[in-house]
């Protein structure tokens, strides 16, 4: 009886469908490429979080899988849509389009490669980085921004989803 109570407690406290990690974090390395007049970004996210987020964008009931033979053909389109919603750059008072270039899956981490459309060198820059805020109240999104030889480290949380980077 004690063992059954223990198993029930474990089942309630740790259901099978929980995420596989205790902290919720993403990291983005962003750099201004003066030659191309674009921002180029590498976004690192937990694969299971991204699968969950993309599933919520899809009307298809089939599960989203990344990095194996079961990956659906609409994954790039869903990632583009997710990036448009959650990775917002406003430069010189204009909302800048981000383009999903590709991804690399490394088991529990997925690397997303993103580049903006060409733009004039920004005099003002605001960022809104809301990745997974709809999934986790403790989500933290870190961005390291390299621009004109200067590095900035920015932290985005559900309480502080926007940052004014320039001026």
Protein backbone atom coordinates (compact mmCIF):
# COMPACT_ATOMS: atom_id res chain seq x y z
CA UNK A 1 0.00 0.00 0.00
CA UNK A 2 2.84 2.42 0.84
CA UNK A 3 4.51 1.63 -2.49
CA UNK A 4 1.25 2.31 -4.38
CA UNK A 5 0.91 5.66 -2.58
CA UNK A 6 4.49 6.49 -3.55
CA UNK A 7 3.85 5.64 -7.21
CA UNK A 8 0.66 7.74 -7.23
CA UNK A 9 2.51 10.69 -5.68
CA UNK A 10 5.28 10.41 -8.29
CA UNK A 11 2.71 10.19 -11.09
CA UNK A 12 0.92 13.35 -9.88
CA UNK A 13 4.10 15.34 -9.19
CA UNK A 14 6.01 14.29 -12.32
CA UNK A 15 3.58 13.49 -15.14
CA UNK A 16 4.96 11.85 -18.26
CA UNK A 17 4.25 14.87 -20.45
CA UNK A 18 6.39 17.39 -18.55
CA UNK A 19 9.31 19.16 -20.14
CA UNK A 20 12.68 17.51 -19.82
CA UNK A 21 14.45 20.41 -18.12
CA UNK A 22 13.88 22.53 -15.05
CA UNK A 23 14.91 25.91 -16.39
CA UNK A 24 13.53 27.77 -19.38
CA UNK A 25 16.14 29.69 -21.30
CA UNK A 26 17.09 30.65 -24.82
CA UNK A 27 20.21 32.33 -26.10
CA UNK A 28 20.57 34.45 -29.20
CA UNK A 29 23.84 35.66 -30.68
CA UNK A 30 23.08 38.61 -32.93
CA UNK A 31 25.54 40.65 -34.98
CA UNK A 32 25.24 43.61 -37.27
CA UNK A 33 26.85 42.78 -40.62
CA UNK A 34 27.75 46.20 -42.07
CA UNK A 35 28.74 44.70 -45.43
CA UNK A 36 25.33 43.10 -45.91
CA UNK A 37 23.40 45.75 -43.92
CA UNK A 38 21.63 43.00 -41.97
CA UNK A 39 21.42 41.56 -38.50
CA UNK A 40 22.44 37.91 -38.47
CA UNK A 41 21.27 35.73 -35.59
CA UNK A 42 21.77 32.29 -34.17
CA UNK A 43 18.99 31.38 -31.73
CA UNK A 44 19.54 28.39 -29.43
CA UNK A 45 16.45 26.82 -27.90
CA UNK A 46 15.50 23.58 -26.21
CA UNK A 47 14.14 21.28 -28.91
CA UNK A 48 11.15 20.07 -26.87
CA UNK A 49 10.11 23.66 -26.11
CA UNK A 50 10.24 24.56 -29.80
CA UNK A 51 8.25 21.44 -30.71
CA UNK A 52 5.59 22.46 -28.19
CA UNK A 53 5.51 26.08 -29.41
CA UNK A 54 5.25 25.04 -33.07
CA UNK A 55 2.50 22.53 -32.24
CA UNK A 56 0.45 25.39 -30.83
CA UNK A 57 0.77 27.27 -34.14
CA UNK A 58 -0.23 24.32 -36.28
CA UNK A 59 -3.78 23.26 -37.11
CA UNK A 60 -2.46 19.76 -37.88
CA UNK A 61 -3.00 17.33 -35.00
CA UNK A 62 0.11 15.33 -35.86
CA UNK A 63 2.92 16.06 -33.40
CA UNK A 64 5.79 18.31 -34.34
CA UNK A 65 9.09 16.46 -34.35
CA UNK A 66 12.44 18.07 -35.07
CA UNK A 67 15.60 16.45 -36.31
CA UNK A 68 14.43 12.98 -37.26
CA UNK A 69 12.63 11.17 -40.07
CA UNK A 70 9.24 12.13 -38.57
CA UNK A 71 9.84 15.86 -39.08
CA UNK A 72 6.91 17.32 -40.97
CA UNK A 73 7.36 19.22 -44.23
CA UNK A 74 5.66 22.35 -42.81
CA UNK A 75 8.25 22.86 -40.03
CA UNK A 76 10.19 25.65 -41.84
CA UNK A 77 6.94 27.57 -42.45
CA UNK A 78 5.92 27.17 -38.79
CA UNK A 79 9.35 28.31 -37.58
CA UNK A 80 9.14 31.39 -39.83
CA UNK A 81 5.71 32.22 -38.40
CA UNK A 82 6.94 31.67 -34.82
CA UNK A 83 9.95 33.95 -35.42
CA UNK A 84 7.71 36.67 -36.89
CA UNK A 85 5.57 36.58 -33.74
CA UNK A 86 8.34 36.33 -31.12
CA UNK A 87 11.51 37.96 -32.51
CA UNK A 88 10.72 41.58 -33.22
CA UNK A 89 13.26 44.21 -34.23
CA UNK A 90 12.25 47.83 -34.71
CA UNK A 91 15.06 49.81 -36.33
CA UNK A 92 14.74 53.49 -37.22
CA UNK A 93 11.05 53.23 -36.18
CA UNK A 94 10.36 50.49 -38.76
CA UNK A 95 9.44 46.88 -37.95
CA UNK A 96 12.17 44.78 -39.60
CA UNK A 97 11.34 41.44 -41.21
CA UNK A 98 13.31 38.44 -40.01
CA UNK A 99 13.91 35.58 -42.43
CA UNK A 100 14.40 32.00 -41.21
CA UNK A 101 17.46 30.67 -43.07
CA UNK A 102 17.69 27.18 -41.60
CA UNK A 103 18.24 25.08 -38.50
CA UNK A 104 20.50 22.50 -37.00
CA UNK A 105 19.13 19.95 -34.54
CA UNK A 106 21.49 18.65 -31.90
CA UNK A 107 19.29 16.30 -29.84
CA UNK A 108 17.99 18.55 -27.06
CA UNK A 109 19.13 21.89 -28.52
CA UNK A 110 17.99 23.36 -31.83
CA UNK A 111 19.95 26.15 -33.51
CA UNK A 112 17.87 28.53 -35.64
CA UNK A 113 19.60 30.76 -38.18
CA UNK A 114 17.85 34.04 -38.92
CA UNK A 115 18.74 37.16 -40.89
CA UNK A 116 16.92 40.46 -41.30
CA UNK A 117 16.10 42.03 -44.60
CA UNK A 118 18.74 44.63 -45.56
CA UNK A 119 18.23 47.96 -43.81
CA UNK A 120 19.93 51.27 -43.27
CA UNK A 121 22.37 51.27 -40.35
CA UNK A 122 20.12 51.76 -37.33
CA UNK A 123 20.19 54.97 -35.30
CA UNK A 124 17.44 53.56 -33.07
CA UNK A 125 16.84 49.93 -32.21
CA UNK A 126 14.20 48.29 -30.06
CA UNK A 127 13.90 44.54 -29.54
CA UNK A 128 10.97 42.47 -28.31
CA UNK A 129 12.01 38.87 -27.67
CA UNK A 130 9.05 36.83 -26.37
CA UNK A 131 10.15 33.27 -27.14
CA UNK A 132 8.19 30.77 -24.99
CA UNK A 133 6.61 33.43 -22.75
CA UNK A 134 3.24 31.83 -23.57
CA UNK A 135 4.59 28.50 -22.25
CA UNK A 136 6.66 29.38 -19.16
CA UNK A 137 6.37 32.15 -16.60
CA UNK A 138 10.07 31.75 -15.70
CA UNK A 139 11.39 31.92 -19.28
CA UNK A 140 14.53 34.02 -19.82
CA UNK A 141 15.76 34.98 -23.29
CA UNK A 142 19.33 36.21 -23.45
CA UNK A 143 20.68 38.13 -26.43
CA UNK A 144 24.30 38.97 -27.02
CA UNK A 145 24.37 41.77 -29.57
CA UNK A 146 27.57 42.67 -31.41
CA UNK A 147 27.25 45.94 -33.23
CA UNK A 148 30.05 48.19 -34.45
CA UNK A 149 32.60 46.41 -32.27
CA UNK A 150 30.50 46.82 -29.11
CA UNK A 151 28.92 43.89 -27.28
CA UNK A 152 25.73 44.16 -25.27
CA UNK A 153 24.07 41.50 -23.17
CA UNK A 154 20.29 41.80 -22.93
CA UNK A 155 17.87 39.75 -20.85
CA UNK A 156 14.21 39.45 -21.77
CA UNK A 157 11.61 38.08 -19.33
CA UNK A 158 7.80 37.99 -19.33
CA UNK A 159 7.94 41.03 -17.04
CA UNK A 160 10.38 42.84 -19.35
CA UNK A 161 9.86 41.65 -22.94
CA UNK A 162 11.10 44.86 -24.63
CA UNK A 163 14.51 46.52 -24.62
CA UNK A 164 15.59 49.78 -26.20
CA UNK A 165 19.08 49.07 -27.51
CA UNK A 166 19.81 52.31 -29.38
CA UNK A 167 20.20 55.24 -28.85
